[in-house]
PDB file of N, CA and C in Angstrom:
ATOM      1  N   MET A   1       0.847  -1.177   0.000  1.00  0.00           N
ATOM      2  CA  MET A   1       0.000   0.000   0.000  1.00  0.00           C
ATOM      3  C   MET A   1       0.887   1.232   0.000  1.00  0.00           C
ATOM      4  N   LEU A   2       0.486   2.259  -0.731  1.00  0.00           N
ATOM      5  CA  LEU A   2       1.243   3.500  -0.778  1.00  0.00           C
ATOM      6  C   LEU A   2       0.980   4.325   0.474  1.00  0.00           C
ATOM      7  N   HIS A   3       2.004   4.960   0.975  1.00  0.00           N
ATOM      8  CA  HIS A   3       1.875   5.840   2.120  1.00  0.00           C
ATOM      9  C   HIS A   3       2.541   7.161   1.803  1.00  0.00           C
ATOM     10  N   CYS A   4       2.064   8.217   2.416  1.00  0.00           N
ATOM     11  CA  CYS A   4       2.711   9.508   2.236  1.00  0.00           C
ATOM     12  C   CYS A   4       2.649  10.287   3.544  1.00  0.00           C
ATOM     13  N   ARG A   5       3.445  11.307   3.600  1.00  0.00           N
ATOM     14  CA  ARG A   5       3.487  12.171   4.774  1.00  0.00           C
ATOM     15  C   ARG A   5       3.363  13.608   4.313  1.00  0.00           C
ATOM     16  N   ARG A   6       2.754  14.430   5.115  1.00  0.00           N
ATOM     17  CA  ARG A   6       2.702  15.852   4.816  1.00  0.00           C
ATOM     18  C   ARG A   6       3.956  16.499   5.355  1.00  0.00           C
ATOM     19  N   LEU A   7       4.523  17.389   4.566  1.00  0.00           N
ATOM     20  CA  LEU A   7       5.706  18.115   4.999  1.00  0.00           C
ATOM     21  C   LEU A   7       5.294  19.540   5.340  1.00  0.00           C
ATOM     22  N   SER A   8       5.856  20.077   6.389  1.00  0.00           N
ATOM     23  CA  SER A   8       5.592  21.459   6.740  1.00  0.00           C
ATOM     24  C   SER A   8       6.909  22.204   6.773  1.00  0.00           C
ATOM     25  N   VAL A   9       6.849  23.502   6.608  1.00  0.00           N
ATOM     26  CA  VAL A   9       8.058  24.317   6.613  1.00  0.00           C
ATOM     27  C   VAL A   9       8.421  24.598   8.060  1.00  0.00           C
ATOM     28  N   GLU A  10       9.497  23.968   8.499  1.00  0.00           N
ATOM     29  CA  GLU A  10       9.981  24.115   9.865  1.00  0.00           C
ATOM     30  C   GLU A  10      11.499  24.155   9.812  1.00  0.00           C
ATOM     31  N   PRO A  11      12.154  24.596  10.885  1.00  0.00           N
ATOM     32  CA  PRO A  11      13.611  24.517  10.907  1.00  0.00           C
ATOM     33  C   PRO A  11      14.058  23.075  10.694  1.00  0.00           C
ATOM     34  N   HIS A  12      15.277  22.906  10.174  1.00  0.00           N
ATOM     35  CA  HIS A  12      15.772  21.587   9.766  1.00  0.00           C
ATOM     36  C   HIS A  12      15.649  20.548  10.883  1.00  0.00           C
ATOM     37  N   HIS A  13      16.141  20.843  12.056  1.00  0.00           N
ATOM     38  CA  HIS A  13      16.120  19.850  13.133  1.00  0.00           C
ATOM     39  C   HIS A  13      14.700  19.558  13.602  1.00  0.00           C
ATOM     40  N   ALA A  14      13.851  20.550  13.616  1.00  0.00           N
ATOM     41  CA  ALA A  14      12.467  20.332  14.047  1.00  0.00           C
ATOM     42  C   ALA A  14      11.695  19.521  13.007  1.00  0.00           C
ATOM     43  N   ALA A  15      11.990  19.753  11.731  1.00  0.00           N
ATOM     44  CA  ALA A  15      11.291  19.031  10.674  1.00  0.00           C
ATOM     45  C   ALA A  15      11.609  17.550  10.729  1.00  0.00           C
ATOM     46  N   SER A  16      12.871  17.203  10.954  1.00  0.00           N
ATOM     47  CA  SER A  16      13.228  15.783  10.988  1.00  0.00           C
ATOM     48  C   SER A  16      12.601  15.090  12.191  1.00  0.00           C
ATOM     49  N   GLN A  17      12.472  15.813  13.310  1.00  0.00           N
ATOM     50  CA  GLN A  17      11.834  15.213  14.484  1.00  0.00           C
ATOM     51  C   GLN A  17      10.335  15.072  14.277  1.00  0.00           C
ATOM     52  N   SER A  18       9.703  16.075  13.654  1.00  0.00           N
ATOM     53  CA  SER A  18       8.251  16.011  13.488  1.00  0.00           C
ATOM     54  C   SER A  18       7.853  14.954  12.462  1.00  0.00           C
ATOM     55  N   LEU A  19       8.691  14.701  11.453  1.00  0.00           N
ATOM     56  CA  LEU A  19       8.363  13.676  10.463  1.00  0.00           C
ATOM     57  C   LEU A  19       8.324  12.294  11.093  1.00  0.00           C
ATOM     58  N   SER A  20       9.236  12.043  12.025  1.00  0.00           N
ATOM     59  CA  SER A  20       9.268  10.713  12.622  1.00  0.00           C
ATOM     60  C   SER A  20       8.079  10.479  13.548  1.00  0.00           C
ATOM     61  N   ARG A  21       7.460  11.545  14.059  1.00  0.00           N
ATOM     62  CA  ARG A  21       6.314  11.393  14.968  1.00  0.00           C
ATOM     63  C   ARG A  21       4.975  11.378  14.241  1.00  0.00           C
ATOM     64  N   ARG A  22       4.948  11.809  12.983  1.00  0.00           N
ATOM     65  CA  ARG A  22       3.670  11.884  12.263  1.00  0.00           C
ATOM     66  C   ARG A  22       3.226  10.489  11.826  1.00  0.00           C
ATOM     67  N   PRO A  23       1.953  10.206  11.946  1.00  0.00           N
ATOM     68  CA  PRO A  23       1.459   8.889  11.522  1.00  0.00           C
ATOM     69  C   PRO A  23       1.451   8.785  10.001  1.00  0.00           C
ATOM     70  N   ARG A  24       1.652   7.583   9.514  1.00  0.00           N
ATOM     71  CA  ARG A  24       1.594   7.345   8.073  1.00  0.00           C
ATOM     72  C   ARG A  24       0.144   7.100   7.700  1.00  0.00           C
ATOM     73  N   ARG A  25      -0.237   7.578   6.512  1.00  0.00           N
ATOM     74  CA  ARG A  25      -1.606   7.359   6.056  1.00  0.00           C
ATOM     75  C   ARG A  25      -1.591   7.026   4.566  1.00  0.00           C
ATOM     76  N   PRO A  26      -2.530   6.258   4.110  1.00  0.00           N
ATOM     77  CA  PRO A  26      -2.565   5.940   2.683  1.00  0.00           C
ATOM     78  C   PRO A  26      -2.785   7.191   1.843  1.00  0.00           C
ATOM     79  N   CYS A  27      -2.003   7.344   0.772  1.00  0.00           N
ATOM     80  CA  CYS A  27      -2.125   8.510  -0.109  1.00  0.00           C
ATOM     81  C   CYS A  27      -3.441   8.491  -0.886  1.00  0.00           C
ATOM     82  N   LEU A  28      -3.950   7.329  -1.154  1.00  0.00           N
ATOM     83  CA  LEU A  28      -5.157   7.228  -1.964  1.00  0.00           C
ATOM     84  C   LEU A  28      -6.438   7.303  -1.142  1.00  0.00           C
ATOM     85  N   ALA A  29      -6.314   7.415   0.150  1.00  0.00           N
ATOM     86  CA  ALA A  29      -7.501   7.430   1.004  1.00  0.00           C
ATOM     87  C   ALA A  29      -8.482   8.530   0.623  1.00  0.00           C
ATOM     88  N   PRO A  30      -8.055   9.799   0.400  1.00  0.00           N
ATOM     89  CA  PRO A  30      -9.034  10.828   0.033  1.00  0.00           C
ATOM     90  C   PRO A  30      -9.742  10.515  -1.280  1.00  0.00           C
ATOM     91  N   VAL A  31      -9.029   9.988  -2.249  1.00  0.00           N
ATOM     92  CA  VAL A  31      -9.636   9.664  -3.541  1.00  0.00           C
ATOM     93  C   VAL A  31     -10.626   8.520  -3.389  1.00  0.00           C
ATOM     94  N   GLN A  32     -10.261   7.517  -2.634  1.00  0.00           N
ATOM     95  CA  GLN A  32     -11.134   6.357  -2.475  1.00  0.00           C
ATOM     96  C   GLN A  32     -12.386   6.708  -1.694  1.00  0.00           C
ATOM     97  N   ARG A  33     -12.295   7.654  -0.774  1.00  0.00           N
ATOM     98  CA  ARG A  33     -13.494   8.044  -0.021  1.00  0.00           C
ATOM     99  C   ARG A  33     -14.491   8.768  -0.913  1.00  0.00           C
ATOM    100  N   ARG A  34     -13.998   9.618  -1.842  1.00  0.00           N
ATOM    101  CA  ARG A  34     -14.883  10.369  -2.721  1.00  0.00           C
ATOM    102  C   ARG A  34     -15.435   9.496  -3.837  1.00  0.00           C
ATOM    103  N   HIS A  35     -14.618   8.598  -4.349  1.00  0.00           N
ATOM    104  CA  HIS A  35     -15.001   7.756  -5.479  1.00  0.00           C
ATOM    105  C   HIS A  35     -14.692   6.299  -5.150  1.00  0.00           C
ATOM    106  N   PRO A  36     -15.515   5.677  -4.326  1.00  0.00           N
ATOM    107  CA  PRO A  36     -15.212   4.292  -3.978  1.00  0.00           C
ATOM    108  C   PRO A  36     -15.366   3.379  -5.195  1.00  0.00           C
ATOM    109  N   LEU A  37     -14.299   2.677  -5.532  1.00  0.00           N
ATOM    110  CA  LEU A  37     -14.315   1.718  -6.628  1.00  0.00           C
ATOM    111  C   LEU A  37     -14.026   0.335  -6.064  1.00  0.00           C
ATOM    112  N   PRO A  38     -14.593  -0.666  -6.669  1.00  0.00           N
ATOM    113  CA  PRO A  38     -14.195  -2.017  -6.267  1.00  0.00           C
ATOM    114  C   PRO A  38     -12.699  -2.189  -6.532  1.00  0.00           C
ATOM    115  N   ARG A  39     -12.043  -2.955  -5.708  1.00  0.00           N
ATOM    116  CA  ARG A  39     -10.591  -3.124  -5.807  1.00  0.00           C
ATOM    117  C   ARG A  39     -10.170  -3.579  -7.202  1.00  0.00           C
ATOM    118  N   SER A  40     -10.887  -4.529  -7.777  1.00  0.00           N
ATOM    119  CA  SER A  40     -10.518  -5.056  -9.097  1.00  0.00           C
ATOM    120  C   SER A  40     -10.607  -3.973 -10.171  1.00  0.00           C
ATOM    121  N   GLU A  41     -11.635  -3.125 -10.094  1.00  0.00           N
ATOM    122  CA  GLU A  41     -11.787  -2.049 -11.078  1.00  0.00           C
ATOM    123  C   GLU A  41     -10.690  -1.007 -10.891  1.00  0.00           C
ATOM    124  N   PHE A  42     -10.383  -0.685  -9.636  1.00  0.00           N
ATOM    125  CA  PHE A  42      -9.317   0.268  -9.350  1.00  0.00           C
ATOM    126  C   PHE A  42      -7.983  -0.251  -9.892  1.00  0.00           C
ATOM    127  N   GLU A  43      -7.696  -1.532  -9.653  1.00  0.00           N
ATOM    128  CA  GLU A  43      -6.451  -2.128 -10.139  1.00  0.00           C
ATOM    129  C   GLU A  43      -6.399  -2.116 -11.662  1.00  0.00           C
ATOM    130  N   ALA A  44      -7.521  -2.405 -12.308  1.00  0.00           N
ATOM    131  CA  ALA A  44      -7.572  -2.404 -13.776  1.00  0.00           C
ATOM    132  C   ALA A  44      -7.300  -1.001 -14.315  1.00  0.00           C
ATOM    133  N   GLN A  45      -7.920   0.010 -13.707  1.00  0.00           N
ATOM    134  CA  GLN A  45      -7.706   1.387 -14.154  1.00  0.00           C
ATOM    135  C   GLN A  45      -6.270   1.835 -13.904  1.00  0.00           C
ATOM    136  N   PHE A  46      -5.724   1.447 -12.775  1.00  0.00           N
ATOM    137  CA  PHE A  46      -4.350   1.804 -12.437  1.00  0.00           C
ATOM    138  C   PHE A  46      -3.373   1.138 -13.405  1.00  0.00           C
ATOM    139  N   LYS A  47      -3.620  -0.135 -13.715  1.00  0.00           N
ATOM    140  CA  LYS A  47      -2.778  -0.864 -14.660  1.00  0.00           C
ATOM    141  C   LYS A  47      -2.844  -0.213 -16.039  1.00  0.00           C
ATOM    142  N   ALA A  48      -4.035   0.183 -16.474  1.00  0.00           N
ATOM    143  CA  ALA A  48      -4.193   0.851 -17.768  1.00  0.00           C
ATOM    144  C   ALA A  48      -3.446   2.178 -17.784  1.00  0.00           C
ATOM    145  N   LEU A  49      -3.479   2.899 -16.676  1.00  0.00           N
ATOM    146  CA  LEU A  49      -2.761   4.164 -16.573  1.00  0.00           C
ATOM    147  C   LEU A  49      -1.255   3.937 -16.677  1.00  0.00           C
ATOM    148  N   LEU A  50      -0.753   2.924 -16.000  1.00  0.00           N
ATOM    149  CA  LEU A  50       0.687   2.615 -16.071  1.00  0.00           C
ATOM    150  C   LEU A  50       1.083   2.189 -17.483  1.00  0.00           C
ATOM    151  N   GLN A  51       0.276   1.335 -18.112  1.00  0.00           N
ATOM    152  CA  GLN A  51       0.593   0.895 -19.467  1.00  0.00           C
ATOM    153  C   GLN A  51       0.590   2.062 -20.439  1.00  0.00           C
ATOM    154  N   SER A  52      -0.318   2.998 -20.248  1.00  0.00           N
ATOM    155  CA  SER A  52      -0.359   4.180 -21.095  1.00  0.00           C
ATOM    156  C   SER A  52       0.921   4.994 -20.934  1.00  0.00           C
ATOM    157  N   GLY A  53       1.361   5.146 -19.702  1.00  0.00           N
ATOM    158  CA  GLY A  53       2.604   5.879 -19.458  1.00  0.00           C
ATOM    159  C   GLY A  53       3.807   5.157 -20.009  1.00  0.00           C
ATOM    160  N   PHE A  54       3.872   3.841 -19.841  1.00  0.00           N
ATOM    161  CA  PHE A  54       5.005   3.058 -20.343  1.00  0.00           C
ATOM    162  C   PHE A  54       5.055   3.048 -21.863  1.00  0.00           C
ATOM    163  N   SER A  55       3.884   3.092 -22.515  1.00  0.00           N
ATOM    164  CA  SER A  55       3.866   3.060 -23.974  1.00  0.00           C
ATOM    165  C   SER A  55       4.508   4.308 -24.573  1.00  0.00           C
ATOM    166  N   LYS A  56       4.565   5.385 -23.817  1.00  0.00           N
ATOM    167  CA  LYS A  56       5.182   6.624 -24.301  1.00  0.00           C
ATOM    168  C   LYS A  56       6.705   6.599 -24.141  1.00  0.00           C
ATOM    169  N   LEU A  57       7.215   5.630 -23.391  1.00  0.00           N
ATOM    170  CA  LEU A  57       8.651   5.508 -23.170  1.00  0.00           C
ATOM    171  C   LEU A  57       9.271   4.563 -24.188  1.00  0.00           C
ATOM    172  N   ASP A  58      10.569   4.684 -24.377  1.00  0.00           N
ATOM    173  CA  ASP A  58      11.286   3.824 -25.308  1.00  0.00           C
ATOM    174  C   ASP A  58      11.750   2.583 -24.559  1.00  0.00           C
ATOM    175  N   LEU A  59      10.852   1.616 -24.385  1.00  0.00           N
ATOM    176  CA  LEU A  59      11.131   0.402 -23.627  1.00  0.00           C
ATOM    177  C   LEU A  59      11.084  -0.820 -24.534  1.00  0.00           C
ATOM    178  N   VAL A  60      11.781  -1.877 -24.120  1.00  0.00           N
ATOM    179  CA  VAL A  60      11.722  -3.152 -24.835  1.00  0.00           C
ATOM    180  C   VAL A  60      11.233  -4.226 -23.873  1.00  0.00           C
ATOM    181  N   SER A  61      10.737  -5.305 -24.445  1.00  0.00           N
ATOM    182  CA  SER A  61      10.263  -6.407 -23.609  1.00  0.00           C
ATOM    183  C   SER A  61      11.458  -7.140 -23.017  1.00  0.00           C
ATOM    184  N   ARG A  62      11.217  -7.920 -21.985  1.00  0.00           N
ATOM    185  CA  ARG A  62      12.276  -8.697 -21.347  1.00  0.00           C
ATOM    186  C   ARG A  62      12.841  -9.713 -22.335  1.00  0.00           C
ATOM    187  N   GLU A  63      11.958 -10.299 -23.155  1.00  0.00           N
ATOM    188  CA  GLU A  63      12.394 -11.279 -24.148  1.00  0.00           C
ATOM    189  C   GLU A  63      13.358 -10.638 -25.151  1.00  0.00           C
ATOM    190  N   GLU A  64      13.020  -9.457 -25.652  1.00  0.00           N
ATOM    191  CA  GLU A  64      13.884  -8.750 -26.595  1.00  0.00           C
ATOM    192  C   GLU A  64      15.212  -8.366 -25.938  1.00  0.00           C
ATOM    193  N   PHE A  65      15.161  -7.931 -24.695  1.00  0.00           N
ATOM    194  CA  PHE A  65      16.372  -7.569 -23.958  1.00  0.00           C
ATOM    195  C   PHE A  65      17.294  -8.780 -23.814  1.00  0.00           C
ATOM    196  N   ASP A  66      16.735  -9.925 -23.395  1.00  0.00           N
ATOM    197  CA  ASP A  66      17.535 -11.141 -23.231  1.00  0.00           C
ATOM    198  C   ASP A  66      18.125 -11.586 -24.565  1.00  0.00           C
ATOM    199  N   SER A  67      17.345 -11.465 -25.634  1.00  0.00           N
ATOM    200  CA  SER A  67      17.821 -11.827 -26.961  1.00  0.00           C
ATOM    201  C   SER A  67      19.011 -10.948 -27.356  1.00  0.00           C
ATOM    202  N   GLN A  68      18.905  -9.660 -27.134  1.00  0.00           N
ATOM    203  CA  GLN A  68      19.989  -8.741 -27.475  1.00  0.00           C
ATOM    204  C   GLN A  68      21.218  -8.975 -26.603  1.00  0.00           C
ATOM    205  N   MET A  69      21.021  -9.376 -25.352  1.00  0.00           N
ATOM    206  CA  MET A  69      22.158  -9.696 -24.483  1.00  0.00           C
ATOM    207  C   MET A  69      22.909 -10.913 -25.004  1.00  0.00           C
ATOM    208  N   THR A  70      22.184 -11.899 -25.539  1.00  0.00           N
ATOM    209  CA  THR A  70      22.813 -13.082 -26.126  1.00  0.00           C
ATOM    210  C   THR A  70      23.629 -12.694 -27.353  1.00  0.00           C
ATOM    211  N   VAL A  71      23.047 -11.860 -28.215  1.00  0.00           N
ATOM    212  CA  VAL A  71      23.752 -11.388 -29.406  1.00  0.00           C
ATOM    213  C   VAL A  71      25.005 -10.613 -29.001  1.00  0.00           C
ATOM    214  N   LEU A  72      24.883  -9.766 -28.002  1.00  0.00           N
ATOM    215  CA  LEU A  72      26.025  -8.983 -27.531  1.00  0.00           C
ATOM    216  C   LEU A  72      27.131  -9.883 -26.989  1.00  0.00           C
ATOM    217  N   ALA A  73      26.784 -10.910 -26.240  1.00  0.00           N
ATOM    218  CA  ALA A  73      27.782 -11.827 -25.684  1.00  0.00           C
ATOM    219  C   ALA A  73      28.522 -12.554 -26.808  1.00  0.00           C
ATOM    220  N   ARG A  74      27.780 -13.014 -27.823  1.00  0.00           N
ATOM    221  CA  ARG A  74      28.420 -13.676 -28.965  1.00  0.00           C
ATOM    222  C   ARG A  74      29.335 -12.717 -29.716  1.00  0.00           C
ATOM    223  N   THR A  75      28.875 -11.498 -29.937  1.00  0.00           N
ATOM    224  CA  THR A  75      29.670 -10.494 -30.639  1.00  0.00           C
ATOM    225  C   THR A  75      30.927 -10.148 -29.853  1.00  0.00           C
ATOM    226  N   ARG A  76      30.785 -10.026 -28.562  1.00  0.00           N
ATOM    227  CA  ARG A  76      31.946  -9.728 -27.715  1.00  0.00           C
ATOM    228  C   ARG A  76      32.974 -10.856 -27.789  1.00  0.00           C
ATOM    229  N   ALA A  77      32.528 -12.101 -27.781  1.00  0.00           N
ATOM    230  CA  ALA A  77      33.435 -13.249 -27.878  1.00  0.00           C
ATOM    231  C   ALA A  77      34.164 -13.249 -29.228  1.00  0.00           C
ATOM    232  N   ARG A  78      33.446 -12.965 -30.312  1.00  0.00           N
ATOM    233  CA  ARG A  78      34.083 -12.899 -31.640  1.00  0.00           C
ATOM    234  C   ARG A  78      35.096 -11.775 -31.698  1.00  0.00           C
ATOM    235  N   LEU A  79      34.760 -10.628 -31.109  1.00  0.00           N
ATOM    236  CA  LEU A  79      35.677  -9.491 -31.085  1.00  0.00           C
ATOM    237  C   LEU A  79      36.957  -9.848 -30.344  1.00  0.00           C
ATOM    238  N   GLU A  80      36.833 -10.492 -29.203  1.00  0.00           N
ATOM    239  CA  GLU A  80      38.009 -10.877 -28.425  1.00  0.00           C
ATOM    240  C   GLU A  80      38.870 -11.870 -29.195  1.00  0.00           C
ATOM    241  N   ALA A  81      38.240 -12.815 -29.912  1.00  0.00           N
ATOM    242  CA  ALA A  81      38.991 -13.784 -30.721  1.00  0.00           C
ATOM    243  C   ALA A  81      39.731 -13.079 -31.856  1.00  0.00           C
ATOM    244  N   LEU A  82      39.067 -12.134 -32.510  1.00  0.00           N
ATOM    245  CA  LEU A  82      39.705 -11.387 -33.593  1.00  0.00           C
ATOM    246  C   LEU A  82      40.849 -10.519 -33.079  1.00  0.00           C
ATOM    247  N   GLU A  83      40.660  -9.896 -31.911  1.00  0.00           N
ATOM    248  CA  GLU A  83      41.734  -9.092 -31.327  1.00  0.00           C
ATOM    249  C   GLU A  83      42.957  -9.967 -31.026  1.00  0.00           C
ATOM    250  N   ALA A  84      42.735 -11.170 -30.518  1.00  0.00           N
ATOM    251  CA  ALA A  84      43.838 -12.078 -30.230  1.00  0.00           C
ATOM    252  C   ALA A  84      44.537 -12.489 -31.522  1.00  0.00           C
ATOM    253  N   LYS A  85      43.771 -12.750 -32.574  1.00  0.00           N
ATOM    254  CA  LYS A  85      44.350 -13.127 -33.867  1.00  0.00           C
ATOM    255  C   LYS A  85      45.182 -11.980 -34.441  1.00  0.00           C
ATOM    256  N   VAL A  86      44.686 -10.761 -34.382  1.00  0.00           N
ATOM    257  CA  VAL A  86      45.422  -9.596 -34.874  1.00  0.00           C
ATOM    258  C   VAL A  86      46.714  -9.422 -34.073  1.00  0.00           C
ATOM    259  N   ALA A  87      46.657  -9.560 -32.774  1.00  0.00           N
ATOM    260  CA  ALA A  87      47.852  -9.434 -31.938  1.00  0.00           C
ATOM    261  C   ALA A  87      48.876 -10.505 -32.319  1.00  0.00           C
ATOM    262  N   GLU A  88      48.416 -11.732 -32.590  1.00  0.00           N
ATOM    263  CA  GLU A  88      49.312 -12.820 -32.993  1.00  0.00           C
ATOM    264  C   GLU A  88      49.974 -12.494 -34.333  1.00  0.00           C
ATOM    265  N   LEU A  89      49.183 -12.022 -35.300  1.00  0.00           N
ATOM    266  CA  LEU A  89      49.734 -11.673 -36.616  1.00  0.00           C
ATOM    267  C   LEU A  89      50.709 -10.502 -36.521  1.00  0.00           C
ATOM    268  N   GLU A  90      50.401  -9.512 -35.705  1.00  0.00           N
ATOM    269  CA  GLU A  90      51.311  -8.380 -35.526  1.00  0.00           C
ATOM    270  C   GLU A  90      52.626  -8.840 -34.908  1.00  0.00           C
ATOM    271  N   ALA A  91      52.546  -9.731 -33.934  1.00  0.00           N
ATOM    272  CA  ALA A  91      53.758 -10.246 -33.295  1.00  0.00           C
ATOM    273  C   ALA A  91      54.588 -11.046 -34.304  1.00  0.00           C
ATOM    274  N   ARG A  92      53.920 -11.831 -35.144  1.00  0.00           N
ATOM    275  CA  ARG A  92      54.623 -12.609 -36.156  1.00  0.00           C
ATOM    276  C   ARG A  92      55.315 -11.681 -37.164  1.00  0.00           C
ATOM    277  N   LEU A  93      54.637 -10.608 -37.572  1.00  0.00           N
ATOM    278  CA  LEU A  93      55.226  -9.650 -38.514  1.00  0.00           C
ATOM    279  C   LEU A  93      56.432  -8.945 -37.898  1.00  0.00           C
ATOM    280  N   ALA A  94      56.365  -8.667 -36.610  1.00  0.00           N
ATOM    281  CA  ALA A  94      57.445  -7.953 -35.937  1.00  0.00           C
ATOM    282  C   ALA A  94      58.706  -8.815 -35.836  1.00  0.00           C
ATOM    283  N   THR A  95      58.544 -10.120 -35.770  1.00  0.00           N
ATOM    284  CA  THR A  95      59.720 -11.001 -35.600  1.00  0.00           C
ATOM    285  C   THR A  95      60.261 -11.482 -36.946  1.00  0.00           C
ATOM    286  N   GLU A  96      59.506 -11.452 -38.014  1.00  0.00           N
ATOM    287  CA  GLU A  96      59.981 -11.905 -39.314  1.00  0.00           C
ATOM    288  C   GLU A  96      60.847 -10.831 -39.966  1.00  0.00           C
ATOM    289  N   PRO A  97      61.868 -11.266 -40.695  1.00  0.00           N
ATOM    290  CA  PRO A  97      62.689 -10.273 -41.394  1.00  0.00           C
ATOM    291  C   PRO A  97      61.890  -9.639 -42.540  1.00  0.00           C
ATOM    292  N   ALA A  98      62.243  -8.423 -42.868  1.00  0.00           N
ATOM    293  CA  ALA A  98      61.552  -7.709 -43.938  1.00  0.00           C
ATOM    294  C   ALA A  98      61.883  -8.368 -45.268  1.00  0.00           C
ATOM    295  N   PRO A  99      60.913  -8.455 -46.190  1.00  0.00           N
ATOM    296  CA  PRO A  99      61.185  -9.067 -47.491  1.00  0.00           C
ATOM    297  C   PRO A  99      62.179  -8.206 -48.282  1.00  0.00           C
ATOM    298  N   PRO A 100      62.980  -8.825 -49.131  1.00  0.00           N
ATOM    299  CA  PRO A 100      63.964  -8.043 -49.890  1.00  0.00           C
ATOM    300  C   PRO A 100      63.273  -7.094 -50.874  1.00  0.00           C
ATOM    301  N   ALA A 101      63.840  -5.930 -51.022  1.00  0.00           N
ATOM    302  CA  ALA A 101      63.280  -4.929 -51.938  1.00  0.00           C
ATOM    303  C   ALA A 101      63.714  -5.253 -53.345  1.00  0.00           C
ATOM    304  N   GLU A 102      62.862  -5.106 -54.313  1.00  0.00           N
ATOM    305  CA  GLU A 102      63.190  -5.403 -55.693  1.00  0.00           C
ATOM    306  C   GLU A 102      63.609  -4.192 -56.437  1.00  0.00           C
TER     307      GLU A 102
END
């Protein structure tokens, strides 16, 4: 359940003491008293509100995220193998004598 506290303008030390003594109360209590909804309907409306907000964000599904993580891991492994191969070839070139000039 969501809870909230009212804040008042007080000196710093007094405010921290008064917050700890204030009782917690549900934030939705005033709304629910004016517009009592069955819990299931309230949850459905709240879920729809969240989905509407999430649809405006640039989000991906968990399945797509996991798929991209797999692709990234494979790509990273190939990159590391190629880097090792390049380092090996560079080392081989450094130790071989230069070809004769024509």
